[in-house]
Amino acid sequence: MKFLALIYFVLSLFGCDIGGSSYVTRTTVDGTDTLYSQATTQAGVARFECLRSASGACHYRVYAHGCAPTSGPDQTPSGSCESDPIERFTVARGDSRQIAGLTGFDLCVSAEDAPAGRACDGPER
């Protein structure tokens, strides 16, 4: 176990980071993508890419982990959280945005700038 930790440490000296997370949001209607977004986190930097969107942009809401609205009749966050997202932004189709310092978050993406609860409903979540 200590040997593995040493390997990770040496790799970090050369700028290599092991681990990270990926989020893919994709919705289709009649076989056509209406929303296709990818988000990745690596070393505390999150990168959001809007690959396709019927509206021409992807609308993002970033919540603290466990705080995104849930699908259901009451639309309440899972846990004791503020209802407002920690980040809210729009990325044009084909563009990307990076934000440093984001780790352990939940993500809601939609093709339309919908209210927070609607952005996380159904297949778009």
C-alpha atoms as a PDB file:
ATOM      1  CA  MET A   1       0.000   0.000   0.000  1.00  0.00           C
ATOM      2  CA  LYS A   2       2.841   2.404   0.800  1.00  0.00           C
ATOM      3  CA  PHE A   3       4.427   1.569  -2.553  1.00  0.00           C
ATOM      4  CA  LEU A   4       1.246   2.565  -4.378  1.00  0.00           C
ATOM      5  CA  ALA A   5       1.138   5.849  -2.456  1.00  0.00           C
ATOM      6  CA  LEU A   6       4.754   6.488  -3.461  1.00  0.00           C
ATOM      7  CA  ILE A   7       3.907   5.907  -7.129  1.00  0.00           C
ATOM      8  CA  TYR A   8       1.013   8.381  -6.939  1.00  0.00           C
ATOM      9  CA  PHE A   9       3.284  10.916  -5.247  1.00  0.00           C
ATOM     10  CA  VAL A  10       5.986  10.588  -7.918  1.00  0.00           C
ATOM     11  CA  LEU A  11       3.392  10.913 -10.689  1.00  0.00           C
ATOM     12  CA  SER A  12       2.003  14.050  -9.043  1.00  0.00           C
ATOM     13  CA  LEU A  13       5.484  15.613  -9.170  1.00  0.00           C
ATOM     14  CA  PHE A  14       5.313  15.357 -12.952  1.00  0.00           C
ATOM     15  CA  GLY A  15       1.823  16.840 -13.134  1.00  0.00           C
ATOM     16  CA  CYS A  16      -0.001  13.534 -13.507  1.00  0.00           C
ATOM     17  CA  ASP A  17      -3.137  13.084 -11.487  1.00  0.00           C
ATOM     18  CA  ILE A  18      -4.821   9.745 -11.078  1.00  0.00           C
ATOM     19  CA  GLY A  19      -8.562   9.884 -10.631  1.00  0.00           C
ATOM     20  CA  GLY A  20     -11.325  12.220 -11.559  1.00  0.00           C
ATOM     21  CA  SER A  21     -14.977  12.113 -12.462  1.00  0.00           C
ATOM     22  CA  SER A  22     -16.949  12.284 -15.682  1.00  0.00           C
ATOM     23  CA  TYR A  23     -20.555  13.342 -16.161  1.00  0.00           C
ATOM     24  CA  VAL A  24     -22.381  12.801 -19.443  1.00  0.00           C
ATOM     25  CA  THR A  25     -25.851  14.189 -20.066  1.00  0.00           C
ATOM     26  CA  ARG A  26     -27.521  13.154 -23.296  1.00  0.00           C
ATOM     27  CA  THR A  27     -31.139  13.405 -24.373  1.00  0.00           C
ATOM     28  CA  THR A  28     -32.620  12.388 -27.697  1.00  0.00           C
ATOM     29  CA  VAL A  29     -35.985  12.919 -29.334  1.00  0.00           C
ATOM     30  CA  ASP A  30     -36.914  10.738 -32.305  1.00  0.00           C
ATOM     31  CA  GLY A  31     -33.281   9.636 -32.644  1.00  0.00           C
ATOM     32  CA  THR A  32     -31.875  13.170 -32.718  1.00  0.00           C
ATOM     33  CA  ASP A  33     -29.745  14.608 -29.926  1.00  0.00           C
ATOM     34  CA  THR A  34     -31.454  17.539 -28.248  1.00  0.00           C
ATOM     35  CA  LEU A  35     -28.741  17.809 -25.585  1.00  0.00           C
ATOM     36  CA  TYR A  36     -25.273  16.304 -25.332  1.00  0.00           C
ATOM     37  CA  SER A  37     -22.968  17.577 -22.609  1.00  0.00           C
ATOM     38  CA  GLN A  38     -19.807  16.253 -20.991  1.00  0.00           C
ATOM     39  CA  ALA A  39     -18.246  17.443 -17.758  1.00  0.00           C
ATOM     40  CA  THR A  40     -15.010  16.160 -16.251  1.00  0.00           C
ATOM     41  CA  THR A  41     -13.164  16.904 -13.042  1.00  0.00           C
ATOM     42  CA  GLN A  42      -9.452  16.413 -12.677  1.00  0.00           C
ATOM     43  CA  ALA A  43      -7.269  17.770  -9.880  1.00  0.00           C
ATOM     44  CA  GLY A  44      -9.945  20.187  -8.635  1.00  0.00           C
ATOM     45  CA  VAL A  45     -10.650  21.667 -12.070  1.00  0.00           C
ATOM     46  CA  ALA A  46     -14.017  21.026 -13.693  1.00  0.00           C
ATOM     47  CA  ARG A  47     -14.412  21.294 -17.462  1.00  0.00           C
ATOM     48  CA  PHE A  48     -17.893  21.627 -18.970  1.00  0.00           C
ATOM     49  CA  GLU A  49     -18.389  20.969 -22.700  1.00  0.00           C
ATOM     50  CA  CYS A  50     -21.582  21.629 -24.631  1.00  0.00           C
ATOM     51  CA  LEU A  51     -21.291  19.261 -27.577  1.00  0.00           C
ATOM     52  CA  ARG A  52     -24.863  19.563 -28.910  1.00  0.00           C
ATOM     53  CA  SER A  53     -27.973  21.451 -27.924  1.00  0.00           C
ATOM     54  CA  ALA A  54     -31.220  22.042 -29.793  1.00  0.00           C
ATOM     55  CA  SER A  55     -31.337  25.583 -28.380  1.00  0.00           C
ATOM     56  CA  GLY A  56     -27.720  26.356 -29.276  1.00  0.00           C
ATOM     57  CA  ALA A  57     -26.523  26.366 -25.659  1.00  0.00           C
ATOM     58  CA  CYS A  58     -26.275  24.152 -22.584  1.00  0.00           C
ATOM     59  CA  HIS A  59     -27.545  25.626 -19.331  1.00  0.00           C
ATOM     60  CA  TYR A  60     -25.685  24.359 -16.262  1.00  0.00           C
ATOM     61  CA  ARG A  61     -26.525  24.424 -12.572  1.00  0.00           C
ATOM     62  CA  VAL A  62     -23.886  23.116 -10.194  1.00  0.00           C
ATOM     63  CA  TYR A  63     -24.937  22.080  -6.690  1.00  0.00           C
ATOM     64  CA  ALA A  64     -22.970  20.929  -3.662  1.00  0.00           C
ATOM     65  CA  HIS A  65     -22.844  17.128  -3.604  1.00  0.00           C
ATOM     66  CA  GLY A  66     -26.206  15.701  -2.548  1.00  0.00           C
ATOM     67  CA  CYS A  67     -28.017  19.015  -2.958  1.00  0.00           C
ATOM     68  CA  ALA A  68     -29.428  18.893  -6.494  1.00  0.00           C
ATOM     69  CA  PRO A  69     -33.222  18.850  -6.698  1.00  0.00           C
ATOM     70  CA  THR A  70     -34.554  15.325  -6.947  1.00  0.00           C
ATOM     71  CA  SER A  71     -37.123  14.054  -9.398  1.00  0.00           C
ATOM     72  CA  GLY A  72     -40.395  13.721  -7.600  1.00  0.00           C
ATOM     73  CA  PRO A  73     -43.483  15.614  -6.573  1.00  0.00           C
ATOM     74  CA  ASP A  74     -41.844  17.656  -3.809  1.00  0.00           C
ATOM     75  CA  GLN A  75     -38.628  18.628  -5.694  1.00  0.00           C
ATOM     76  CA  THR A  76     -36.587  18.806  -2.491  1.00  0.00           C
ATOM     77  CA  PRO A  77     -32.819  18.489  -2.229  1.00  0.00           C
ATOM     78  CA  SER A  78     -31.451  15.292  -0.745  1.00  0.00           C
ATOM     79  CA  GLY A  79     -29.926  16.502   2.519  1.00  0.00           C
ATOM     80  CA  SER A  80     -29.789  19.804   4.358  1.00  0.00           C
ATOM     81  CA  CYS A  81     -28.796  22.184   1.577  1.00  0.00           C
ATOM     82  CA  GLU A  82     -29.469  25.626   0.261  1.00  0.00           C
ATOM     83  CA  SER A  83     -31.771  25.523  -2.740  1.00  0.00           C
ATOM     84  CA  ASP A  84     -29.616  27.824  -4.872  1.00  0.00           C
ATOM     85  CA  PRO A  85     -26.864  26.366  -7.056  1.00  0.00           C
ATOM     86  CA  ILE A  86     -23.244  27.212  -6.231  1.00  0.00           C
ATOM     87  CA  GLU A  87     -22.662  27.958  -9.936  1.00  0.00           C
ATOM     88  CA  ARG A  88     -25.081  28.755 -12.744  1.00  0.00           C
ATOM     89  CA  PHE A  89     -23.900  29.458 -16.286  1.00  0.00           C
ATOM     90  CA  THR A  90     -24.514  28.897 -19.986  1.00  0.00           C
ATOM     91  CA  VAL A  91     -22.070  27.434 -22.513  1.00  0.00           C
ATOM     92  CA  ALA A  92     -22.667  27.863 -26.250  1.00  0.00           C
ATOM     93  CA  ARG A  93     -22.844  24.744 -28.418  1.00  0.00           C
ATOM     94  CA  GLY A  94     -19.296  23.710 -29.353  1.00  0.00           C
ATOM     95  CA  ASP A  95     -17.688  25.674 -26.509  1.00  0.00           C
ATOM     96  CA  SER A  96     -16.391  24.720 -23.081  1.00  0.00           C
ATOM     97  CA  ARG A  97     -15.772  26.349 -19.722  1.00  0.00           C
ATOM     98  CA  GLN A  98     -13.361  25.490 -16.917  1.00  0.00           C
ATOM     99  CA  ILE A  99     -13.874  26.272 -13.247  1.00  0.00           C
ATOM    100  CA  ALA A 100     -11.153  25.684 -10.658  1.00  0.00           C
ATOM    101  CA  GLY A 101     -11.954  24.543  -7.134  1.00  0.00           C
ATOM    102  CA  LEU A 102     -15.032  22.427  -7.885  1.00  0.00           C
ATOM    103  CA  THR A 103     -14.927  18.985  -6.322  1.00  0.00           C
ATOM    104  CA  GLY A 104     -17.745  16.730  -5.187  1.00  0.00           C
ATOM    105  CA  PHE A 105     -20.687  18.364  -6.912  1.00  0.00           C
ATOM    106  CA  ASP A 106     -23.992  17.420  -8.519  1.00  0.00           C
ATOM    107  CA  LEU A 107     -24.881  18.723 -11.944  1.00  0.00           C
ATOM    108  CA  CYS A 108     -28.099  19.630 -13.725  1.00  0.00           C
ATOM    109  CA  VAL A 109     -27.915  20.388 -17.446  1.00  0.00           C
ATOM    110  CA  SER A 110     -30.682  21.389 -19.827  1.00  0.00           C
ATOM    111  CA  ALA A 111     -31.060  22.729 -23.355  1.00  0.00           C
ATOM    112  CA  GLU A 112     -33.419  25.439 -22.083  1.00  0.00           C
ATOM    113  CA  ASP A 113     -32.905  27.860 -19.216  1.00  0.00           C
ATOM    114  CA  ALA A 114     -35.548  26.136 -17.082  1.00  0.00           C
ATOM    115  CA  PRO A 115     -36.158  26.537 -13.353  1.00  0.00           C
ATOM    116  CA  ALA A 116     -33.787  24.425 -11.263  1.00  0.00           C
ATOM    117  CA  GLY A 117     -36.348  21.718 -10.485  1.00  0.00           C
ATOM    118  CA  ARG A 118     -37.350  21.247 -14.124  1.00  0.00           C
ATOM    119  CA  ALA A 119     -33.724  21.017 -15.286  1.00  0.00           C
ATOM    120  CA  CYS A 120     -33.244  17.950 -13.109  1.00  0.00           C
ATOM    121  CA  ASP A 121     -36.507  16.214 -13.960  1.00  0.00           C
ATOM    122  CA  GLY A 122     -36.798  13.091 -16.042  1.00  0.00           C
ATOM    123  CA  PRO A 123     -34.260  12.050 -18.665  1.00  0.00           C
ATOM    124  CA  GLU A 124     -32.269  15.292 -18.576  1.00  0.00           C
ATOM    125  CA  ARG A 125     -30.856  14.604 -15.152  1.00  0.00           C
END
